[in-house]
Amino acid sequence: TLAAQVFAVTAAFAFLKDAGDLARLEAGQSAYSAAVGVSMKSLTKDIVAATDAQLGFRDAAQAAAIGTAAGLTSEQLVKLGKAANQTSQILGRDLTDSFNRLIRGVTKAEPELLDELGIILRLEPATEKYAAAIGKTREALTAFERSQAVANEVLDQAERKFGAIAKTMDPDAFALGQFAKEFDDMMKDIKVNVIEVVIPVVNFLKDNLLSLIG
């Protein structure tokens, strides 16, 4: 009986902790939107839509914040979501892993993260190509322009290699991923509503140890 009670309390705490993380993530989105002038909630929804509603809220929100902070535009982030969807379809990879690899590969300019997706990033040719397009030398590119060169190269390769093939895929193949995402959204709403009720209780208990023990 004691073991069952301990397990139940532990599971409840894990649920509440996850709910708290989601609440902080939504609050952080609102604060970041005000700071950068970009609606992070809207961008998150656009990224999810670009993956045919298969990417979860948490992964899309975190990627939106990381990408925006690294200088990627909203359009580029949405295109990366679409590229991740196409890549995972063709290669049979996990969508979330593919998306995270694309985001980190672009923002960190790390070719080894992209190699497993069939995207071969060579920094020197990519930056030379971008520099020629904007009328500069490669050496004169700013840090922001180098990141744009990487993003453009990755998106161009993804579209050339996977875009046409992905259009022939059967939409029913995404049904399970879409169902999992919808279930995740439902749980997110439940957790956020629960944490709003629980926070006052937690604030009381942390200041009243004897009540907590009881």
Protein backbone atom coordinates (compact mmCIF):
# COMPACT_ATOMS: atom_id res chain seq x y z
CA THR A 1 0.00 0.00 0.00
CA LEU A 2 2.79 2.39 0.89
CA ALA A 3 4.61 1.62 -2.39
CA ALA A 4 1.42 2.27 -4.36
CA GLN A 5 0.89 5.58 -2.56
CA VAL A 6 4.50 6.65 -3.17
CA PHE A 7 4.14 5.75 -6.85
CA ALA A 8 0.90 7.74 -7.10
CA VAL A 9 2.45 10.81 -5.45
CA THR A 10 5.53 10.55 -7.68
CA ALA A 11 3.38 10.29 -10.82
CA ALA A 12 1.27 13.26 -9.70
CA PHE A 13 4.39 15.33 -9.05
CA ALA A 14 5.80 14.46 -12.49
CA PHE A 15 2.48 15.48 -14.08
CA LEU A 16 2.43 18.79 -12.21
CA LYS A 17 6.08 19.48 -13.02
CA ASP A 18 5.41 18.95 -16.71
CA ALA A 19 2.35 21.18 -16.45
CA GLY A 20 4.50 23.87 -14.81
CA ASP A 21 7.06 23.60 -17.61
CA LEU A 22 4.32 24.12 -20.21
CA ALA A 23 2.92 27.11 -18.34
CA ARG A 24 6.39 28.68 -18.18
CA LEU A 25 6.88 28.00 -21.88
CA GLU A 26 3.66 29.81 -22.78
CA ALA A 27 4.54 32.70 -20.46
CA GLY A 28 8.01 32.87 -22.00
CA GLN A 29 6.48 32.99 -25.47
CA SER A 30 4.37 35.99 -24.51
CA ALA A 31 7.33 37.82 -22.98
CA TYR A 32 9.62 37.02 -25.93
CA SER A 33 6.95 38.13 -28.43
CA ALA A 34 6.78 41.51 -26.73
CA ALA A 35 10.58 41.83 -26.81
CA VAL A 36 11.22 40.87 -30.44
CA GLY A 37 7.99 42.02 -32.04
CA VAL A 38 7.15 38.59 -33.44
CA SER A 39 4.08 36.60 -32.38
CA MET A 40 5.72 33.42 -31.13
CA LYS A 41 2.37 31.72 -30.58
CA SER A 42 1.36 32.40 -34.18
CA LEU A 43 4.78 31.29 -35.46
CA THR A 44 4.54 28.09 -33.44
CA LYS A 45 1.15 27.31 -35.01
CA ASP A 46 2.56 28.00 -38.49
CA ILE A 47 5.46 25.61 -37.89
CA VAL A 48 3.07 22.90 -36.68
CA ALA A 49 0.90 23.43 -39.76
CA ALA A 50 3.96 23.11 -42.03
CA THR A 51 4.52 19.61 -40.64
CA ASP A 52 0.96 18.56 -41.51
CA ALA A 53 -0.01 18.92 -37.85
CA GLN A 54 2.42 16.25 -36.66
CA LEU A 55 4.93 18.27 -34.60
CA GLY A 56 4.03 18.88 -30.96
CA PHE A 57 3.54 22.31 -29.41
CA ARG A 58 6.57 22.11 -27.12
CA ASP A 59 9.05 21.18 -29.88
CA ALA A 60 7.67 23.81 -32.26
CA ALA A 61 7.69 26.53 -29.58
CA GLN A 62 11.26 25.81 -28.51
CA ALA A 63 12.48 25.75 -32.12
CA ALA A 64 10.67 29.03 -32.84
CA ALA A 65 12.44 30.72 -29.94
CA ILE A 66 15.88 29.27 -30.77
CA GLY A 67 15.58 30.06 -34.48
CA THR A 68 14.35 33.60 -33.91
CA ALA A 69 17.15 34.27 -31.43
CA ALA A 70 19.66 32.97 -33.99
CA GLY A 71 18.38 35.38 -36.64
CA LEU A 72 16.18 33.11 -38.73
CA THR A 73 13.04 34.67 -40.16
CA SER A 74 9.55 33.35 -39.53
CA GLU A 75 9.36 32.28 -43.17
CA GLN A 76 12.59 30.30 -42.89
CA LEU A 77 11.44 28.55 -39.71
CA VAL A 78 8.17 27.53 -41.36
CA LYS A 79 10.10 26.25 -44.37
CA LEU A 80 12.38 24.24 -42.07
CA GLY A 81 9.27 22.67 -40.55
CA LYS A 82 8.10 21.72 -44.02
CA ALA A 83 11.56 20.39 -44.91
CA ALA A 84 11.63 18.28 -41.74
CA ASN A 85 8.25 16.82 -42.65
CA GLN A 86 9.39 15.94 -46.17
CA THR A 87 12.71 14.53 -44.96
CA SER A 88 11.10 12.32 -42.33
CA GLN A 89 8.57 11.01 -44.87
CA ILE A 90 11.16 10.05 -47.47
CA LEU A 91 13.82 8.69 -45.11
CA GLY A 92 11.45 7.10 -42.60
CA ARG A 93 12.93 9.13 -39.73
CA ASP A 94 11.30 10.54 -36.64
CA LEU A 95 9.85 13.96 -37.47
CA THR A 96 10.87 15.64 -34.23
CA ASP A 97 14.46 14.39 -34.56
CA SER A 98 14.62 15.57 -38.18
CA PHE A 99 13.26 18.99 -37.24
CA ASN A 100 15.67 19.43 -34.34
CA ARG A 101 18.59 18.39 -36.54
CA LEU A 102 17.61 20.96 -39.17
CA ILE A 103 17.23 23.74 -36.61
CA ARG A 104 20.52 22.96 -34.86
CA GLY A 105 22.32 22.27 -38.12
CA VAL A 106 21.32 25.67 -39.49
CA THR A 107 21.73 27.77 -36.34
CA LYS A 108 25.06 26.16 -35.39
CA ALA A 109 26.27 25.60 -38.98
CA GLU A 110 27.19 22.00 -38.13
CA PRO A 111 27.25 19.81 -41.27
CA GLU A 112 27.45 16.54 -39.31
CA LEU A 113 23.94 17.15 -37.93
CA LEU A 114 22.58 17.37 -41.45
CA ASP A 115 24.51 14.52 -43.06
CA GLU A 116 22.10 11.89 -41.71
CA LEU A 117 19.24 13.73 -43.44
CA GLY A 118 20.94 13.52 -46.81
CA ILE A 119 21.77 17.23 -46.78
CA ILE A 120 25.44 17.87 -47.46
CA LEU A 121 26.42 21.29 -46.13
CA ARG A 122 29.74 22.72 -47.25
CA LEU A 123 30.20 26.08 -45.59
CA GLU A 124 32.65 27.64 -48.06
CA PRO A 125 30.58 27.04 -51.24
CA ALA A 126 27.37 28.00 -49.41
CA THR A 127 28.75 31.32 -48.20
CA GLU A 128 30.39 32.07 -51.57
CA LYS A 129 27.07 31.47 -53.34
CA TYR A 130 25.21 33.77 -50.95
CA ALA A 131 27.92 36.45 -51.12
CA ALA A 132 27.75 36.49 -54.92
CA ALA A 133 23.96 36.81 -54.76
CA ILE A 134 24.11 39.95 -52.60
CA GLY A 135 27.17 41.46 -54.28
CA LYS A 136 29.77 40.85 -51.58
CA THR A 137 32.87 38.76 -51.09
CA ARG A 138 32.68 35.78 -48.77
CA GLU A 139 35.12 37.40 -46.36
CA ALA A 140 32.94 40.50 -46.09
CA LEU A 141 29.84 38.64 -44.92
CA THR A 142 28.55 39.45 -41.45
CA ALA A 143 27.68 36.73 -38.93
CA PHE A 144 23.99 37.21 -39.74
CA GLU A 145 24.64 36.93 -43.48
CA ARG A 146 26.64 33.72 -42.97
CA SER A 147 23.71 32.23 -41.06
CA GLN A 148 21.40 33.24 -43.90
CA ALA A 149 23.73 31.54 -46.37
CA VAL A 150 23.54 28.30 -44.40
CA ALA A 151 19.74 28.49 -44.07
CA ASN A 152 19.27 29.14 -47.79
CA GLU A 153 21.57 26.27 -48.77
CA VAL A 154 19.84 23.78 -46.45
CA LEU A 155 16.36 24.79 -47.58
CA ASP A 156 17.38 24.67 -51.24
CA GLN A 157 18.82 21.15 -50.91
CA ALA A 158 15.80 19.90 -48.97
CA GLU A 159 13.41 21.17 -51.62
CA ARG A 160 15.45 19.80 -54.52
CA LYS A 161 15.97 16.38 -52.98
CA PHE A 162 12.68 15.73 -51.20
CA GLY A 163 10.06 18.28 -52.23
CA ALA A 164 8.80 16.65 -55.42
CA ILE A 165 8.79 13.15 -53.93
CA ALA A 166 6.90 14.22 -50.81
CA LYS A 167 4.02 15.53 -52.94
CA THR A 168 3.29 11.98 -54.12
CA MET A 169 3.00 10.57 -50.57
CA ASP A 170 -0.36 9.25 -49.35
CA PRO A 171 -1.76 11.71 -46.74
CA ASP A 172 -3.18 8.77 -44.77
CA ALA A 173 0.40 7.86 -43.86
CA PHE A 174 0.42 10.84 -41.48
CA ALA A 175 -2.75 9.87 -39.61
CA LEU A 176 -1.02 8.33 -36.59
CA GLY A 177 1.38 11.26 -36.20
CA GLN A 178 -1.51 13.72 -36.43
CA PHE A 179 -3.49 11.76 -33.85
CA ALA A 180 -0.52 11.75 -31.46
CA LYS A 181 -0.14 15.50 -31.91
CA GLU A 182 -3.85 16.15 -31.27
CA PHE A 183 -3.70 14.01 -28.12
CA ASP A 184 -0.61 15.96 -27.00
CA ASP A 185 -2.50 19.23 -27.54
CA MET A 186 -5.42 17.97 -25.47
CA MET A 187 -3.09 17.00 -22.63
CA LYS A 188 -1.35 20.38 -22.88
CA ASP A 189 -4.63 22.22 -22.35
CA ILE A 190 -5.50 19.99 -19.39
CA LYS A 191 -2.09 20.50 -17.79
CA VAL A 192 -2.16 24.28 -18.21
CA ASN A 193 -5.65 24.47 -16.66
CA VAL A 194 -4.65 22.18 -13.78
CA ILE A 195 -1.51 24.13 -12.93
CA GLU A 196 -3.49 27.37 -12.66
CA VAL A 197 -5.56 25.77 -9.92
CA VAL A 198 -2.66 24.02 -8.18
CA ILE A 199 -0.16 26.91 -8.02
CA PRO A 200 -1.89 28.67 -5.05
CA VAL A 201 -1.90 25.35 -3.15
CA VAL A 202 1.78 24.75 -3.91
CA ASN A 203 2.66 28.28 -2.80
CA PHE A 204 0.88 27.62 0.51
CA LEU A 205 2.50 24.22 1.09
CA LYS A 206 6.04 25.35 0.39
CA ASP A 207 5.68 27.92 3.18
CA ASN A 208 3.92 25.52 5.56
CA LEU A 209 6.08 22.44 5.97
CA LEU A 210 3.88 20.74 8.55
CA SER A 211 0.87 20.97 6.25
CA LEU A 212 2.94 19.49 3.45
CA ILE A 213 4.02 16.56 5.66
CA GLY A 214 0.39 16.02 6.67
